[in-house]
Amino acid sequence: MRVFLVGSSQRGLALARDLVAEGHAVRAVTRTEARRGELEDAGCECWIGTPDRIGTLRYGLENVTILVWALGTAAGDDAEDVAALHGSRLKMMLEKTTDTTVRGVVYEAAGTLDDATFASGVHEIEWAAEKNEIPYRLIDADGRDVAGWTAAARAAIEELLAADRPVAGGAPRH
């Protein structure tokens, strides 16, 4: 399994380390070269890109099984730009998962942002699930509890991998 991790914070790195230790591949996003060493030391493939420009991420989805959008504590000088990460930017990224190897999306639906921002993200996730049959799981664990958050993220990933998937004709695929 390969995870595309958008949100390589302390908790994202903890998740990546756990997954790598189990033999999974993690492609972790960072905006700059400055974090390459840290990500590679954790066993990740480093992907330079930004969720502010989805075009920098779309090719990172190649051969990915699970997309993790872990931006619950995203920060920035412009509140509208941060909110877009859970609105229009998330929607664009979800559209890019159509007709790819992505089998599911894990969305961090809790953190330091306001409830309306997370509600927007959940709306986009639900829209993608309805329109394109992209399965999803939400993480609502407290990100300050890194171990608890990591366990919740791993459980969400495992649930997506274990879920029956529809195929043409409506029969589930295991």
Protein backbone atom coordinates (compact mmCIF):
# COMPACT_ATOMS: atom_id res chain seq x y z
CA MET A 1 0.00 0.00 0.00
CA ARG A 2 1.15 3.54 -0.73
CA VAL A 3 -0.21 6.55 1.17
CA PHE A 4 -0.07 10.10 -0.15
CA LEU A 5 0.22 12.21 3.01
CA VAL A 6 -0.76 15.85 2.66
CA GLY A 7 0.04 17.31 6.07
CA SER A 8 3.42 16.10 7.28
CA SER A 9 3.27 17.68 10.72
CA GLN A 10 4.46 15.97 13.89
CA ARG A 11 1.42 13.69 13.90
CA GLY A 12 1.67 13.10 10.15
CA LEU A 13 5.29 12.02 10.56
CA ALA A 14 4.30 9.70 13.42
CA LEU A 15 1.73 8.08 11.12
CA ALA A 16 4.29 7.83 8.33
CA ARG A 17 6.86 6.18 10.60
CA ASP A 18 4.31 3.60 11.76
CA LEU A 19 3.23 2.79 8.21
CA VAL A 20 6.81 2.56 6.93
CA ALA A 21 7.72 0.27 9.84
CA GLU A 22 4.93 -2.07 8.69
CA GLY A 23 6.35 -2.13 5.17
CA HIS A 24 4.04 0.40 3.53
CA ALA A 25 5.19 3.23 1.28
CA VAL A 26 4.45 6.83 2.25
CA ARG A 27 4.78 9.75 -0.13
CA ALA A 28 4.80 12.81 2.14
CA VAL A 29 4.20 16.34 0.91
CA THR A 30 6.30 19.31 1.92
CA ARG A 31 6.32 22.80 0.47
CA THR A 32 10.11 23.18 0.42
CA GLU A 33 13.33 21.22 0.10
CA ALA A 34 14.19 22.17 3.69
CA ARG A 35 12.19 19.23 5.10
CA ARG A 36 13.37 16.61 2.60
CA GLY A 37 15.95 15.13 4.99
CA GLU A 38 13.46 14.84 7.86
CA LEU A 39 10.90 13.08 5.65
CA GLU A 40 13.43 10.75 4.07
CA ASP A 41 14.90 9.92 7.49
CA ALA A 42 11.38 8.81 8.46
CA GLY A 43 11.37 6.48 5.46
CA CYS A 44 9.10 8.62 3.30
CA GLU A 45 9.35 9.49 -0.33
CA CYS A 46 9.46 13.30 -0.31
CA TRP A 47 7.06 15.13 -2.64
CA ILE A 48 7.62 18.86 -3.08
CA GLY A 49 4.26 20.54 -3.56
CA THR A 50 1.61 22.61 -1.89
CA PRO A 51 -2.10 22.09 -1.36
CA ASP A 52 -2.44 25.77 -2.31
CA ARG A 53 -1.64 24.71 -5.88
CA ILE A 54 -3.22 21.34 -6.56
CA GLY A 55 -1.31 21.05 -9.84
CA THR A 56 1.84 20.50 -7.75
CA LEU A 57 0.23 17.47 -6.08
CA ARG A 58 -1.75 15.69 -8.78
CA TYR A 59 1.09 13.56 -10.13
CA GLY A 60 1.87 12.54 -6.56
CA LEU A 61 -1.27 10.40 -6.69
CA GLU A 62 0.39 7.95 -9.08
CA ASN A 63 0.18 4.41 -7.66
CA VAL A 64 -1.34 5.69 -4.40
CA THR A 65 -3.86 3.58 -2.51
CA ILE A 66 -4.95 6.05 0.20
CA LEU A 67 -4.95 9.86 0.23
CA VAL A 68 -4.58 11.35 3.72
CA TRP A 69 -5.57 15.05 3.92
CA ALA A 70 -4.25 15.97 7.37
CA LEU A 71 -4.55 19.74 7.46
CA GLY A 72 -6.59 20.22 10.62
CA THR A 73 -4.02 22.59 12.08
CA ALA A 74 -3.09 24.40 8.87
CA ALA A 75 -2.07 27.99 9.50
CA GLY A 76 -1.39 31.04 7.40
CA ASP A 77 -1.64 34.79 7.23
CA ASP A 78 -4.81 34.70 5.14
CA ALA A 79 -7.78 32.93 6.74
CA GLU A 80 -9.48 32.55 3.35
CA ASP A 81 -6.47 30.68 1.96
CA VAL A 82 -6.49 28.32 4.94
CA ALA A 83 -10.24 27.76 4.59
CA ALA A 84 -9.74 26.96 0.88
CA LEU A 85 -7.62 23.96 1.90
CA HIS A 86 -10.85 22.46 3.26
CA GLY A 87 -13.05 23.82 0.48
CA SER A 88 -12.09 24.51 -3.12
CA ARG A 89 -8.56 23.06 -2.89
CA LEU A 90 -9.80 19.86 -1.30
CA LYS A 91 -12.52 19.57 -3.94
CA MET A 92 -9.95 19.94 -6.72
CA MET A 93 -7.75 17.27 -5.14
CA LEU A 94 -10.67 14.89 -4.77
CA GLU A 95 -11.52 15.38 -8.44
CA LYS A 96 -7.94 14.37 -9.29
CA THR A 97 -8.46 11.00 -7.55
CA THR A 98 -11.07 9.96 -10.11
CA ASP A 99 -9.84 7.16 -12.39
CA THR A 100 -6.69 6.60 -10.33
CA THR A 101 -5.50 3.83 -8.02
CA VAL A 102 -6.78 5.76 -4.97
CA ARG A 103 -9.17 3.49 -3.03
CA GLY A 104 -10.08 5.95 -0.31
CA VAL A 105 -9.53 9.27 1.41
CA VAL A 106 -8.84 9.98 5.06
CA TYR A 107 -9.82 13.53 6.04
CA GLU A 108 -8.75 15.20 9.27
CA ALA A 109 -12.02 16.81 10.40
CA ALA A 110 -10.80 18.28 13.69
CA GLY A 111 -8.06 20.60 14.83
CA THR A 112 -7.38 24.26 15.45
CA LEU A 113 -9.62 25.66 12.71
CA ASP A 114 -13.22 26.79 13.13
CA ASP A 115 -16.16 24.41 12.81
CA ALA A 116 -17.37 26.01 9.56
CA THR A 117 -14.05 25.22 7.88
CA PHE A 118 -14.26 21.56 8.85
CA ALA A 119 -17.94 21.43 7.83
CA SER A 120 -16.88 22.65 4.39
CA GLY A 121 -14.29 19.89 4.18
CA VAL A 122 -16.75 17.21 5.24
CA HIS A 123 -19.19 18.53 2.63
CA GLU A 124 -16.54 18.17 -0.10
CA ILE A 125 -15.62 14.67 1.06
CA GLU A 126 -19.28 13.61 1.08
CA TRP A 127 -19.79 15.17 -2.36
CA ALA A 128 -16.87 13.18 -3.78
CA ALA A 129 -18.16 9.99 -2.19
CA GLU A 130 -21.58 10.50 -3.74
CA LYS A 131 -20.42 11.71 -7.15
CA ASN A 132 -17.40 9.49 -7.75
CA GLU A 133 -17.85 6.69 -5.21
CA ILE A 134 -14.66 7.63 -3.39
CA PRO A 135 -14.85 5.97 0.04
CA TYR A 136 -13.71 8.07 2.96
CA ARG A 137 -13.13 8.08 6.68
CA LEU A 138 -12.98 11.09 8.98
CA ILE A 139 -10.43 11.60 11.75
CA ASP A 140 -11.80 13.63 14.63
CA ALA A 141 -9.11 12.74 17.17
CA ASP A 142 -7.30 15.46 19.09
CA GLY A 143 -4.09 16.20 17.19
CA ARG A 144 -2.32 17.20 20.41
CA ASP A 145 -2.46 13.53 21.41
CA VAL A 146 -0.11 12.29 18.70
CA ALA A 147 -0.40 8.62 19.68
CA GLY A 148 -4.20 8.78 19.80
CA TRP A 149 -4.38 10.68 16.52
CA THR A 150 -2.03 8.21 14.84
CA ALA A 151 -4.10 5.26 16.06
CA ALA A 152 -7.28 6.91 14.70
CA ALA A 153 -5.62 7.57 11.34
CA ARG A 154 -4.35 4.00 11.09
CA ALA A 155 -7.80 2.64 11.95
CA ALA A 156 -9.34 4.83 9.24
CA ILE A 157 -6.84 3.57 6.67
CA GLU A 158 -7.41 -0.05 7.68
CA GLU A 159 -11.20 0.38 7.41
CA LEU A 160 -10.85 1.77 3.89
CA LEU A 161 -8.61 -1.09 2.82
CA ALA A 162 -10.99 -3.68 4.28
CA ALA A 163 -14.16 -2.19 2.77
CA ASP A 164 -15.98 -3.83 -0.10
CA ARG A 165 -15.62 -1.82 -3.29
CA PRO A 166 -18.34 -1.59 -5.93
CA VAL A 167 -17.62 -2.73 -9.48
CA ALA A 168 -19.58 -2.55 -12.69
CA GLY A 169 -22.88 -4.30 -12.23
CA GLY A 170 -23.01 -3.45 -8.53
CA ALA A 171 -21.26 -6.54 -7.15
CA PRO A 172 -18.83 -5.76 -4.32
CA ARG A 173 -15.14 -6.46 -4.79
CA HIS A 174 -13.02 -7.53 -1.83
